[in-house]
Amino acid sequence: GASLAAALAGGSEPTEFRPSFVDGAGSKSLLPAMWKRALPLLAGSYVVSLDETAAAVRLLAERARVVAEGAGALAVAAALKHGREGERLVCVVSGGNIDSARLGEILSGRTPV
């Protein structure tokens, strides 16, 4: 969250990259040309935690019978955290490439690394 806010304000805040089960989003670095292209799309974006993302993966599996990878559940995690009652939302859930051991951890209530 803080790194994104600093970057949007034109600064930078070095952070240590930590790989997680949300391996389809995030990286150690971003090429400057790609950052320039992505920047206009980030206004109004949301940040969610690994615990919130795991909860979204679990909710999708338990209620909708959809197996989503971590990155695929980010939109649902953001909707659960930032959505407003009565508001209609559409979340694109894509990607089911999640290791069965990690999925098992999530379904048992834990957040894998």
PDB file of N, CA and C in Angstrom:
ATOM      1  N   GLY A   1       0.804  -1.189   0.000  1.00  0.00           N
ATOM      2  CA  GLY A   1       0.000   0.000   0.000  1.00  0.00           C
ATOM      3  C   GLY A   1       0.847   1.253   0.000  1.00  0.00           C
ATOM      4  N   ALA A   2       1.815   1.353   0.933  1.00  0.00           N
ATOM      5  CA  ALA A   2       2.617   2.568   1.044  1.00  0.00           C
ATOM      6  C   ALA A   2       3.490   2.765  -0.184  1.00  0.00           C
ATOM      7  N   SER A   3       4.033   1.686  -0.723  1.00  0.00           N
ATOM      8  CA  SER A   3       4.875   1.792  -1.917  1.00  0.00           C
ATOM      9  C   SER A   3       4.080   2.309  -3.099  1.00  0.00           C
ATOM     10  N   LEU A   4       2.856   1.819  -3.271  1.00  0.00           N
ATOM     11  CA  LEU A   4       2.005   2.281  -4.365  1.00  0.00           C
ATOM     12  C   LEU A   4       1.674   3.752  -4.183  1.00  0.00           C
ATOM     13  N   ALA A   5       1.317   4.160  -2.972  1.00  0.00           N
ATOM     14  CA  ALA A   5       0.987   5.562  -2.712  1.00  0.00           C
ATOM     15  C   ALA A   5       2.180   6.463  -3.014  1.00  0.00           C
ATOM     16  N   ALA A   6       3.380   6.050  -2.596  1.00  0.00           N
ATOM     17  CA  ALA A   6       4.582   6.843  -2.856  1.00  0.00           C
ATOM     18  C   ALA A   6       4.860   6.933  -4.347  1.00  0.00           C
ATOM     19  N   ALA A   7       4.707   5.835  -5.047  1.00  0.00           N
ATOM     20  CA  ALA A   7       4.960   5.825  -6.490  1.00  0.00           C
ATOM     21  C   ALA A   7       3.957   6.703  -7.225  1.00  0.00           C
ATOM     22  N   LEU A   8       2.698   6.669  -6.816  1.00  0.00           N
ATOM     23  CA  LEU A   8       1.685   7.501  -7.464  1.00  0.00           C
ATOM     24  C   LEU A   8       1.936   8.980  -7.214  1.00  0.00           C
ATOM     25  N   ALA A   9       2.566   9.300  -6.081  1.00  0.00           N
ATOM     26  CA  ALA A   9       2.888  10.684  -5.760  1.00  0.00           C
ATOM     27  C   ALA A   9       4.176  11.128  -6.441  1.00  0.00           C
ATOM     28  N   GLY A  10       4.757  10.263  -7.250  1.00  0.00           N
ATOM     29  CA  GLY A  10       5.955  10.626  -7.997  1.00  0.00           C
ATOM     30  C   GLY A  10       7.245  10.253  -7.301  1.00  0.00           C
ATOM     31  N   GLY A  11       7.159   9.652  -6.158  1.00  0.00           N
ATOM     32  CA  GLY A  11       8.358   9.250  -5.434  1.00  0.00           C
ATOM     33  C   GLY A  11       8.573   7.760  -5.550  1.00  0.00           C
ATOM     34  N   SER A  12       9.361   7.269  -4.664  1.00  0.00           N
ATOM     35  CA  SER A  12       9.546   5.824  -4.616  1.00  0.00           C
ATOM     36  C   SER A  12       9.827   5.434  -3.180  1.00  0.00           C
ATOM     37  N   GLU A  13       9.462   4.250  -2.853  1.00  0.00           N
ATOM     38  CA  GLU A  13       9.716   3.725  -1.521  1.00  0.00           C
ATOM     39  C   GLU A  13      10.218   2.307  -1.695  1.00  0.00           C
ATOM     40  N   PRO A  14      11.508   2.095  -1.476  1.00  0.00           N
ATOM     41  CA  PRO A  14      12.028   0.746  -1.668  1.00  0.00           C
ATOM     42  C   PRO A  14      11.382  -0.228  -0.683  1.00  0.00           C
ATOM     43  N   THR A  15      11.033  -1.371  -1.178  1.00  0.00           N
ATOM     44  CA  THR A  15      10.476  -2.414  -0.326  1.00  0.00           C
ATOM     45  C   THR A  15      11.156  -3.723  -0.681  1.00  0.00           C
ATOM     46  N   GLU A  16      11.135  -4.621   0.256  1.00  0.00           N
ATOM     47  CA  GLU A  16      11.705  -5.938   0.005  1.00  0.00           C
ATOM     48  C   GLU A  16      10.629  -6.798  -0.648  1.00  0.00           C
ATOM     49  N   PHE A  17      10.932  -7.364  -1.788  1.00  0.00           N
ATOM     50  CA  PHE A  17       9.978  -8.234  -2.474  1.00  0.00           C
ATOM     51  C   PHE A  17       9.918  -9.568  -1.753  1.00  0.00           C
ATOM     52  N   ARG A  18       8.712  -9.997  -1.435  1.00  0.00           N
ATOM     53  CA  ARG A  18       8.518 -11.295  -0.795  1.00  0.00           C
ATOM     54  C   ARG A  18       7.557 -12.113  -1.642  1.00  0.00           C
ATOM     55  N   PRO A  19       8.031 -13.173  -2.265  1.00  0.00           N
ATOM     56  CA  PRO A  19       7.137 -14.023  -3.056  1.00  0.00           C
ATOM     57  C   PRO A  19       6.019 -14.573  -2.171  1.00  0.00           C
ATOM     58  N   SER A  20       4.861 -14.803  -2.775  1.00  0.00           N
ATOM     59  CA  SER A  20       3.724 -15.327  -2.029  1.00  0.00           C
ATOM     60  C   SER A  20       2.890 -16.228  -2.932  1.00  0.00           C
ATOM     61  N   PHE A  21       1.772 -16.719  -2.414  1.00  0.00           N
ATOM     62  CA  PHE A  21       0.878 -17.543  -3.220  1.00  0.00           C
ATOM     63  C   PHE A  21       0.171 -16.715  -4.293  1.00  0.00           C
ATOM     64  N   VAL A  22       0.262 -15.395  -4.207  1.00  0.00           N
ATOM     65  CA  VAL A  22      -0.292 -14.513  -5.241  1.00  0.00           C
ATOM     66  C   VAL A  22       0.831 -14.259  -6.243  1.00  0.00           C
ATOM     67  N   ASP A  23       1.263 -15.323  -6.907  1.00  0.00           N
ATOM     68  CA  ASP A  23       2.451 -15.229  -7.755  1.00  0.00           C
ATOM     69  C   ASP A  23       2.172 -14.678  -9.146  1.00  0.00           C
ATOM     70  N   GLY A  24       0.920 -14.427  -9.474  1.00  0.00           N
ATOM     71  CA  GLY A  24       0.592 -13.850 -10.778  1.00  0.00           C
ATOM     72  C   GLY A  24       0.514 -12.336 -10.745  1.00  0.00           C
ATOM     73  N   ALA A  25       0.819 -11.735  -9.599  1.00  0.00           N
ATOM     74  CA  ALA A  25       0.798 -10.273  -9.458  1.00  0.00           C
ATOM     75  C   ALA A  25       1.988  -9.871  -8.594  1.00  0.00           C
ATOM     76  N   GLY A  26       2.594  -8.758  -8.921  1.00  0.00           N
ATOM     77  CA  GLY A  26       3.727  -8.273  -8.152  1.00  0.00           C
ATOM     78  C   GLY A  26       5.045  -8.833  -8.656  1.00  0.00           C
ATOM     79  N   SER A  27       6.101  -8.097  -8.404  1.00  0.00           N
ATOM     80  CA  SER A  27       7.438  -8.530  -8.804  1.00  0.00           C
ATOM     81  C   SER A  27       8.476  -7.685  -8.079  1.00  0.00           C
ATOM     82  N   LYS A  28       9.727  -8.025  -8.288  1.00  0.00           N
ATOM     83  CA  LYS A  28      10.821  -7.269  -7.688  1.00  0.00           C
ATOM     84  C   LYS A  28      10.942  -5.880  -8.294  1.00  0.00           C
ATOM     85  N   SER A  29      10.634  -5.765  -9.571  1.00  0.00           N
ATOM     86  CA  SER A  29      10.807  -4.478 -10.243  1.00  0.00           C
ATOM     87  C   SER A  29       9.862  -4.387 -11.432  1.00  0.00           C
ATOM     88  N   LEU A  30       9.788  -3.201 -11.975  1.00  0.00           N
ATOM     89  CA  LEU A  30       8.967  -2.953 -13.150  1.00  0.00           C
ATOM     90  C   LEU A  30       9.786  -2.101 -14.110  1.00  0.00           C
ATOM     91  N   LEU A  31       9.821  -2.488 -15.347  1.00  0.00           N
ATOM     92  CA  LEU A  31      10.568  -1.709 -16.330  1.00  0.00           C
ATOM     93  C   LEU A  31       9.989  -0.300 -16.408  1.00  0.00           C
ATOM     94  N   PRO A  32      10.838   0.728 -16.464  1.00  0.00           N
ATOM     95  CA  PRO A  32      10.346   2.107 -16.507  1.00  0.00           C
ATOM     96  C   PRO A  32       9.318   2.350 -17.619  1.00  0.00           C
ATOM     97  N   ALA A  33       9.511   1.757 -18.779  1.00  0.00           N
ATOM     98  CA  ALA A  33       8.557   1.952 -19.881  1.00  0.00           C
ATOM     99  C   ALA A  33       7.193   1.359 -19.533  1.00  0.00           C
ATOM    100  N   MET A  34       7.185   0.228 -18.835  1.00  0.00           N
ATOM    101  CA  MET A  34       5.918  -0.393 -18.432  1.00  0.00           C
ATOM    102  C   MET A  34       5.250   0.415 -17.326  1.00  0.00           C
ATOM    103  N   TRP A  35       6.042   0.959 -16.402  1.00  0.00           N
ATOM    104  CA  TRP A  35       5.485   1.793 -15.337  1.00  0.00           C
ATOM    105  C   TRP A  35       4.778   3.000 -15.942  1.00  0.00           C
ATOM    106  N   LYS A  36       5.411   3.602 -16.939  1.00  0.00           N
ATOM    107  CA  LYS A  36       4.819   4.775 -17.594  1.00  0.00           C
ATOM    108  C   LYS A  36       3.466   4.413 -18.211  1.00  0.00           C
ATOM    109  N   ARG A  37       3.360   3.229 -18.778  1.00  0.00           N
ATOM    110  CA  ARG A  37       2.094   2.790 -19.390  1.00  0.00           C
ATOM    111  C   ARG A  37       1.059   2.425 -18.330  1.00  0.00           C
ATOM    112  N   ALA A  38       1.501   1.857 -17.219  1.00  0.00           N
ATOM    113  CA  ALA A  38       0.574   1.394 -16.177  1.00  0.00           C
ATOM    114  C   ALA A  38       0.065   2.523 -15.287  1.00  0.00           C
ATOM    115  N   LEU A  39       0.864   3.545 -15.092  1.00  0.00           N
ATOM    116  CA  LEU A  39       0.536   4.617 -14.157  1.00  0.00           C
ATOM    117  C   LEU A  39      -0.865   5.202 -14.334  1.00  0.00           C
ATOM    118  N   PRO A  40      -1.304   5.533 -15.554  1.00  0.00           N
ATOM    119  CA  PRO A  40      -2.648   6.108 -15.693  1.00  0.00           C
ATOM    120  C   PRO A  40      -3.770   5.150 -15.273  1.00  0.00           C
ATOM    121  N   LEU A  41      -3.493   3.869 -15.231  1.00  0.00           N
ATOM    122  CA  LEU A  41      -4.516   2.882 -14.885  1.00  0.00           C
ATOM    123  C   LEU A  41      -4.647   2.666 -13.381  1.00  0.00           C
ATOM    124  N   LEU A  42      -3.735   3.217 -12.601  1.00  0.00           N
ATOM    125  CA  LEU A  42      -3.690   2.921 -11.175  1.00  0.00           C
ATOM    126  C   LEU A  42      -4.531   3.843 -10.307  1.00  0.00           C
ATOM    127  N   ALA A  43      -4.965   4.971 -10.828  1.00  0.00           N
ATOM    128  CA  ALA A  43      -5.796   5.880 -10.036  1.00  0.00           C
ATOM    129  C   ALA A  43      -7.061   5.149  -9.608  1.00  0.00           C
ATOM    130  N   GLY A  44      -7.359   5.196  -8.337  1.00  0.00           N
ATOM    131  CA  GLY A  44      -8.547   4.527  -7.824  1.00  0.00           C
ATOM    132  C   GLY A  44      -8.367   3.046  -7.577  1.00  0.00           C
ATOM    133  N   SER A  45      -7.133   2.553  -7.686  1.00  0.00           N
ATOM    134  CA  SER A  45      -6.912   1.122  -7.446  1.00  0.00           C
ATOM    135  C   SER A  45      -6.915   0.842  -5.944  1.00  0.00           C
ATOM    136  N   TYR A  46      -7.082  -0.419  -5.594  1.00  0.00           N
ATOM    137  CA  TYR A  46      -7.147  -0.836  -4.200  1.00  0.00           C
ATOM    138  C   TYR A  46      -6.004  -1.783  -3.873  1.00  0.00           C
ATOM    139  N   VAL A  47      -5.632  -1.804  -2.613  1.00  0.00           N
ATOM    140  CA  VAL A  47      -4.607  -2.714  -2.119  1.00  0.00           C
ATOM    141  C   VAL A  47      -5.272  -3.658  -1.125  1.00  0.00           C
ATOM    142  N   VAL A  48      -4.991  -4.940  -1.249  1.00  0.00           N
ATOM    143  CA  VAL A  48      -5.526  -5.932  -0.313  1.00  0.00           C
ATOM    144  C   VAL A  48      -4.376  -6.760   0.249  1.00  0.00           C
ATOM    145  N   SER A  49      -4.596  -7.318   1.411  1.00  0.00           N
ATOM    146  CA  SER A  49      -3.558  -8.116   2.073  1.00  0.00           C
ATOM    147  C   SER A  49      -3.594  -9.567   1.591  1.00  0.00           C
ATOM    148  N   LEU A  50      -2.562 -10.302   1.954  1.00  0.00           N
ATOM    149  CA  LEU A  50      -2.537 -11.730   1.634  1.00  0.00           C
ATOM    150  C   LEU A  50      -3.669 -12.466   2.354  1.00  0.00           C
ATOM    151  N   ASP A  51      -3.949 -12.081   3.601  1.00  0.00           N
ATOM    152  CA  ASP A  51      -5.052 -12.710   4.333  1.00  0.00           C
ATOM    153  C   ASP A  51      -6.390 -12.451   3.639  1.00  0.00           C
ATOM    154  N   GLU A  52      -6.597 -11.227   3.167  1.00  0.00           N
ATOM    155  CA  GLU A  52      -7.845 -10.895   2.464  1.00  0.00           C
ATOM    156  C   GLU A  52      -7.948 -11.651   1.144  1.00  0.00           C
ATOM    157  N   THR A  53      -6.817 -11.827   0.482  1.00  0.00           N
ATOM    158  CA  THR A  53      -6.815 -12.575  -0.773  1.00  0.00           C
ATOM    159  C   THR A  53      -7.097 -14.052  -0.522  1.00  0.00           C
ATOM    160  N   ALA A  54      -6.499 -14.612   0.518  1.00  0.00           N
ATOM    161  CA  ALA A  54      -6.772 -16.010   0.868  1.00  0.00           C
ATOM    162  C   ALA A  54      -8.246 -16.193   1.210  1.00  0.00           C
ATOM    163  N   ALA A  55      -8.827 -15.233   1.917  1.00  0.00           N
ATOM    164  CA  ALA A  55     -10.253 -15.310   2.257  1.00  0.00           C
ATOM    165  C   ALA A  55     -11.108 -15.294   0.994  1.00  0.00           C
ATOM    166  N   ALA A  56     -10.700 -14.524  -0.005  1.00  0.00           N
ATOM    167  CA  ALA A  56     -11.440 -14.477  -1.273  1.00  0.00           C
ATOM    168  C   ALA A  56     -11.327 -15.803  -2.021  1.00  0.00           C
ATOM    169  N   VAL A  57     -10.139 -16.402  -2.034  1.00  0.00           N
ATOM    170  CA  VAL A  57      -9.958 -17.721  -2.666  1.00  0.00           C
ATOM    171  C   VAL A  57     -10.865 -18.739  -1.977  1.00  0.00           C
ATOM    172  N   ARG A  58     -10.884 -18.694  -0.647  1.00  0.00           N
ATOM    173  CA  ARG A  58     -11.708 -19.621   0.139  1.00  0.00           C
ATOM    174  C   ARG A  58     -13.203 -19.409  -0.149  1.00  0.00           C
ATOM    175  N   LEU A  59     -13.639 -18.171  -0.175  1.00  0.00           N
ATOM    176  CA  LEU A  59     -15.042 -17.849  -0.456  1.00  0.00           C
ATOM    177  C   LEU A  59     -15.455 -18.347  -1.839  1.00  0.00           C
ATOM    178  N   LEU A  60     -14.609 -18.105  -2.832  1.00  0.00           N
ATOM    179  CA  LEU A  60     -14.910 -18.566  -4.191  1.00  0.00           C
ATOM    180  C   LEU A  60     -15.038 -20.084  -4.242  1.00  0.00           C
ATOM    181  N   ALA A  61     -14.159 -20.783  -3.549  1.00  0.00           N
ATOM    182  CA  ALA A  61     -14.195 -22.253  -3.559  1.00  0.00           C
ATOM    183  C   ALA A  61     -15.412 -22.788  -2.814  1.00  0.00           C
ATOM    184  N   GLU A  62     -15.691 -22.214  -1.657  1.00  0.00           N
ATOM    185  CA  GLU A  62     -16.764 -22.741  -0.817  1.00  0.00           C
ATOM    186  C   GLU A  62     -18.157 -22.367  -1.308  1.00  0.00           C
ATOM    187  N   ARG A  63     -18.323 -21.139  -1.771  1.00  0.00           N
ATOM    188  CA  ARG A  63     -19.671 -20.692  -2.151  1.00  0.00           C
ATOM    189  C   ARG A  63     -19.970 -20.824  -3.633  1.00  0.00           C
ATOM    190  N   ALA A  64     -18.976 -20.592  -4.475  1.00  0.00           N
ATOM    191  CA  ALA A  64     -19.222 -20.613  -5.923  1.00  0.00           C
ATOM    192  C   ALA A  64     -18.646 -21.855  -6.588  1.00  0.00           C
ATOM    193  N   ARG A  65     -17.902 -22.658  -5.823  1.00  0.00           N
ATOM    194  CA  ARG A  65     -17.243 -23.848  -6.368  1.00  0.00           C
ATOM    195  C   ARG A  65     -16.293 -23.493  -7.515  1.00  0.00           C
ATOM    196  N   VAL A  66     -15.603 -22.370  -7.337  1.00  0.00           N
ATOM    197  CA  VAL A  66     -14.629 -21.892  -8.318  1.00  0.00           C
ATOM    198  C   VAL A  66     -13.248 -21.963  -7.680  1.00  0.00           C
ATOM    199  N   VAL A  67     -12.320 -22.620  -8.344  1.00  0.00           N
ATOM    200  CA  VAL A  67     -10.937 -22.665  -7.869  1.00  0.00           C
ATOM    201  C   VAL A  67     -10.179 -21.554  -8.578  1.00  0.00           C
ATOM    202  N   ALA A  68      -9.767 -20.559  -7.804  1.00  0.00           N
ATOM    203  CA  ALA A  68      -9.042 -19.418  -8.366  1.00  0.00           C
ATOM    204  C   ALA A  68      -7.659 -19.348  -7.740  1.00  0.00           C
ATOM    205  N   GLU A  69      -6.687 -18.991  -8.539  1.00  0.00           N
ATOM    206  CA  GLU A  69      -5.356 -18.738  -7.997  1.00  0.00           C
ATOM    207  C   GLU A  69      -5.393 -17.413  -7.238  1.00  0.00           C
ATOM    208  N   GLY A  70      -4.333 -17.127  -6.502  1.00  0.00           N
ATOM    209  CA  GLY A  70      -4.286 -15.897  -5.713  1.00  0.00           C
ATOM    210  C   GLY A  70      -4.541 -14.645  -6.527  1.00  0.00           C
ATOM    211  N   ALA A  71      -3.819 -14.475  -7.626  1.00  0.00           N
ATOM    212  CA  ALA A  71      -3.994 -13.277  -8.449  1.00  0.00           C
ATOM    213  C   ALA A  71      -5.395 -13.219  -9.047  1.00  0.00           C
ATOM    214  N   GLY A  72      -5.964 -14.382  -9.336  1.00  0.00           N
ATOM    215  CA  GLY A  72      -7.306 -14.421  -9.903  1.00  0.00           C
ATOM    216  C   GLY A  72      -8.377 -13.991  -8.923  1.00  0.00           C
ATOM    217  N   ALA A  73      -8.086 -14.061  -7.634  1.00  0.00           N
ATOM    218  CA  ALA A  73      -9.056 -13.693  -6.599  1.00  0.00           C
ATOM    219  C   ALA A  73      -8.876 -12.265  -6.091  1.00  0.00           C
ATOM    220  N   LEU A  74      -7.913 -11.532  -6.626  1.00  0.00           N
ATOM    221  CA  LEU A  74      -7.658 -10.175  -6.137  1.00  0.00           C
ATOM    222  C   LEU A  74      -8.868  -9.256  -6.282  1.00  0.00           C
ATOM    223  N   ALA A  75      -9.582  -9.338  -7.394  1.00  0.00           N
ATOM    224  CA  ALA A  75     -10.750  -8.470  -7.591  1.00  0.00           C
ATOM    225  C   ALA A  75     -11.822  -8.763  -6.550  1.00  0.00           C
ATOM    226  N   VAL A  76     -12.026 -10.032  -6.235  1.00  0.00           N
ATOM    227  CA  VAL A  76     -13.017 -10.405  -5.218  1.00  0.00           C
ATOM    228  C   VAL A  76     -12.562  -9.903  -3.846  1.00  0.00           C
ATOM    229  N   ALA A  77     -11.284 -10.035  -3.536  1.00  0.00           N
ATOM    230  CA  ALA A  77     -10.754  -9.536  -2.260  1.00  0.00           C
ATOM    231  C   ALA A  77     -10.980  -8.030  -2.140  1.00  0.00           C
ATOM    232  N   ALA A  78     -10.723  -7.293  -3.214  1.00  0.00           N
ATOM    233  CA  ALA A  78     -10.931  -5.840  -3.192  1.00  0.00           C
ATOM    234  C   ALA A  78     -12.410  -5.500  -3.047  1.00  0.00           C
ATOM    235  N   ALA A  79     -13.280  -6.243  -3.719  1.00  0.00           N
ATOM    236  CA  ALA A  79     -14.722  -5.994  -3.612  1.00  0.00           C
ATOM    237  C   ALA A  79     -15.212  -6.261  -2.192  1.00  0.00           C
ATOM    238  N   LEU A  80     -14.717  -7.327  -1.570  1.00  0.00           N
ATOM    239  CA  LEU A  80     -15.117  -7.637  -0.199  1.00  0.00           C
ATOM    240  C   LEU A  80     -14.644  -6.557   0.774  1.00  0.00           C
ATOM    241  N   LYS A  81     -13.457  -6.027   0.534  1.00  0.00           N
ATOM    242  CA  LYS A  81     -12.890  -5.022   1.438  1.00  0.00           C
ATOM    243  C   LYS A  81     -13.452  -3.628   1.189  1.00  0.00           C
ATOM    244  N   HIS A  82     -13.642  -3.266  -0.065  1.00  0.00           N
ATOM    245  CA  HIS A  82     -13.968  -1.880  -0.397  1.00  0.00           C
ATOM    246  C   HIS A  82     -15.370  -1.681  -0.969  1.00  0.00           C
ATOM    247  N   GLY A  83     -16.088  -2.769  -1.255  1.00  0.00           N
ATOM    248  CA  GLY A  83     -17.423  -2.634  -1.834  1.00  0.00           C
ATOM    249  C   GLY A  83     -18.397  -2.022  -0.843  1.00  0.00           C
ATOM    250  N   ARG A  84     -19.453  -1.423  -1.376  1.00  0.00           N
ATOM    251  CA  ARG A  84     -20.477  -0.808  -0.535  1.00  0.00           C
ATOM    252  C   ARG A  84     -21.775  -1.585  -0.667  1.00  0.00           C
ATOM    253  N   GLU A  85     -22.506  -1.677   0.417  1.00  0.00           N
ATOM    254  CA  GLU A  85     -23.772  -2.402   0.406  1.00  0.00           C
ATOM    255  C   GLU A  85     -24.708  -1.811  -0.645  1.00  0.00           C
ATOM    256  N   GLY A  86     -25.324  -2.680  -1.413  1.00  0.00           N
ATOM    257  CA  GLY A  86     -26.246  -2.244  -2.455  1.00  0.00           C
ATOM    258  C   GLY A  86     -25.573  -1.901  -3.773  1.00  0.00           C
ATOM    259  N   GLU A  87     -24.255  -1.839  -3.777  1.00  0.00           N
ATOM    260  CA  GLU A  87     -23.501  -1.510  -4.984  1.00  0.00           C
ATOM    261  C   GLU A  87     -23.352  -2.762  -5.842  1.00  0.00           C
ATOM    262  N   ARG A  88     -23.582  -2.622  -7.134  1.00  0.00           N
ATOM    263  CA  ARG A  88     -23.408  -3.757  -8.049  1.00  0.00           C
ATOM    264  C   ARG A  88     -21.980  -3.756  -8.576  1.00  0.00           C
ATOM    265  N   LEU A  89     -21.357  -4.897  -8.475  1.00  0.00           N
ATOM    266  CA  LEU A  89     -19.970  -5.037  -8.906  1.00  0.00           C
ATOM    267  C   LEU A  89     -19.821  -6.255  -9.797  1.00  0.00           C
ATOM    268  N   VAL A  90     -18.862  -6.176 -10.679  1.00  0.00           N
ATOM    269  CA  VAL A  90     -18.475  -7.324 -11.487  1.00  0.00           C
ATOM    270  C   VAL A  90     -16.993  -7.565 -11.224  1.00  0.00           C
ATOM    271  N   CYS A  91     -16.655  -8.771 -10.862  1.00  0.00           N
ATOM    272  CA  CYS A  91     -15.258  -9.140 -10.634  1.00  0.00           C
ATOM    273  C   CYS A  91     -14.856 -10.172 -11.674  1.00  0.00           C
ATOM    274  N   VAL A  92     -13.765  -9.903 -12.350  1.00  0.00           N
ATOM    275  CA  VAL A  92     -13.226 -10.876 -13.292  1.00  0.00           C
ATOM    276  C   VAL A  92     -12.316 -11.810 -12.501  1.00  0.00           C
ATOM    277  N   VAL A  93     -12.667 -13.082 -12.487  1.00  0.00           N
ATOM    278  CA  VAL A  93     -11.879 -14.096 -11.784  1.00  0.00           C
ATOM    279  C   VAL A  93     -11.253 -14.974 -12.853  1.00  0.00           C
ATOM    280  N   SER A  94      -9.940 -14.849 -13.000  1.00  0.00           N
ATOM    281  CA  SER A  94      -9.273 -15.633 -14.039  1.00  0.00           C
ATOM    282  C   SER A  94      -8.070 -16.334 -13.436  1.00  0.00           C
ATOM    283  N   GLY A  95      -7.810 -17.500 -13.926  1.00  0.00           N
ATOM    284  CA  GLY A  95      -6.644 -18.239 -13.471  1.00  0.00           C
ATOM    285  C   GLY A  95      -6.971 -19.187 -12.341  1.00  0.00           C
ATOM    286  N   GLY A  96      -6.742 -20.457 -12.570  1.00  0.00           N
ATOM    287  CA  GLY A  96      -6.963 -21.469 -11.555  1.00  0.00           C
ATOM    288  C   GLY A  96      -5.693 -22.243 -11.278  1.00  0.00           C
ATOM    289  N   ASN A  97      -4.560 -21.618 -11.557  1.00  0.00           N
ATOM    290  CA  ASN A  97      -3.269 -22.281 -11.421  1.00  0.00           C
ATOM    291  C   ASN A  97      -2.764 -22.142  -9.986  1.00  0.00           C
ATOM    292  N   ILE A  98      -3.349 -22.932  -9.098  1.00  0.00           N
ATOM    293  CA  ILE A  98      -2.927 -22.887  -7.697  1.00  0.00           C
ATOM    294  C   ILE A  98      -2.540 -24.296  -7.262  1.00  0.00           C
ATOM    295  N   ASP A  99      -1.431 -24.390  -6.597  1.00  0.00           N
ATOM    296  CA  ASP A  99      -0.922 -25.656  -6.084  1.00  0.00           C
ATOM    297  C   ASP A  99      -1.935 -26.242  -5.101  1.00  0.00           C
ATOM    298  N   SER A 100      -2.182 -27.539  -5.186  1.00  0.00           N
ATOM    299  CA  SER A 100      -3.199 -28.165  -4.334  1.00  0.00           C
ATOM    300  C   SER A 100      -2.853 -28.056  -2.848  1.00  0.00           C
ATOM    301  N   ALA A 101      -1.574 -28.081  -2.505  1.00  0.00           N
ATOM    302  CA  ALA A 101      -1.177 -27.930  -1.099  1.00  0.00           C
ATOM    303  C   ALA A 101      -1.512 -26.531  -0.597  1.00  0.00           C
ATOM    304  N   ARG A 102      -1.259 -25.528  -1.426  1.00  0.00           N
ATOM    305  CA  ARG A 102      -1.594 -24.150  -1.045  1.00  0.00           C
ATOM    306  C   ARG A 102      -3.101 -23.977  -0.931  1.00  0.00           C
ATOM    307  N   LEU A 103      -3.831 -24.536  -1.879  1.00  0.00           N
ATOM    308  CA  LEU A 103      -5.287 -24.452  -1.822  1.00  0.00           C
ATOM    309  C   LEU A 103      -5.797 -25.123  -0.547  1.00  0.00           C
ATOM    310  N   GLY A 104      -5.217 -26.252  -0.194  1.00  0.00           N
ATOM    311  CA  GLY A 104      -5.594 -26.939   1.034  1.00  0.00           C
ATOM    312  C   GLY A 104      -5.370 -26.080   2.269  1.00  0.00           C
ATOM    313  N   GLU A 105      -4.230 -25.385   2.308  1.00  0.00           N
ATOM    314  CA  GLU A 105      -3.951 -24.474   3.426  1.00  0.00           C
ATOM    315  C   GLU A 105      -5.021 -23.400   3.523  1.00  0.00           C
ATOM    316  N   ILE A 106      -5.351 -22.806   2.377  1.00  0.00           N
ATOM    317  CA  ILE A 106      -6.350 -21.736   2.346  1.00  0.00           C
ATOM    318  C   ILE A 106      -7.708 -22.254   2.801  1.00  0.00           C
ATOM    319  N   LEU A 107      -8.103 -23.421   2.299  1.00  0.00           N
ATOM    320  CA  LEU A 107      -9.407 -23.976   2.662  1.00  0.00           C
ATOM    321  C   LEU A 107      -9.482 -24.343   4.141  1.00  0.00           C
ATOM    322  N   SER A 108      -8.330 -24.591   4.758  1.00  0.00           N
ATOM    323  CA  SER A 108      -8.322 -24.900   6.190  1.00  0.00           C
ATOM    324  C   SER A 108      -8.181 -23.643   7.047  1.00  0.00           C
ATOM    325  N   GLY A 109      -8.233 -22.469   6.408  1.00  0.00           N
ATOM    326  CA  GLY A 109      -8.232 -21.215   7.158  1.00  0.00           C
ATOM    327  C   GLY A 109      -6.891 -20.547   7.329  1.00  0.00           C
ATOM    328  N   ARG A 110      -5.864 -21.083   6.724  1.00  0.00           N
ATOM    329  CA  ARG A 110      -4.532 -20.480   6.837  1.00  0.00           C
ATOM    330  C   ARG A 110      -4.202 -19.676   5.581  1.00  0.00           C
ATOM    331  N   THR A 111      -3.211 -18.807   5.702  1.00  0.00           N
ATOM    332  CA  THR A 111      -2.720 -18.040   4.561  1.00  0.00           C
ATOM    333  C   THR A 111      -1.321 -18.530   4.228  1.00  0.00           C
ATOM    334  N   PRO A 112      -1.152 -19.190   3.073  1.00  0.00           N
ATOM    335  CA  PRO A 112       0.192 -19.671   2.714  1.00  0.00           C
ATOM    336  C   PRO A 112       1.110 -18.521   2.327  1.00  0.00           C
ATOM    337  N   VAL A 113       2.387 -18.806   2.318  1.00  0.00           N
ATOM    338  CA  VAL A 113       3.350 -17.783   1.906  1.00  0.00           C
ATOM    339  C   VAL A 113       3.610 -17.873   0.440  1.00  0.00           C
TER     340      VAL A 113
END
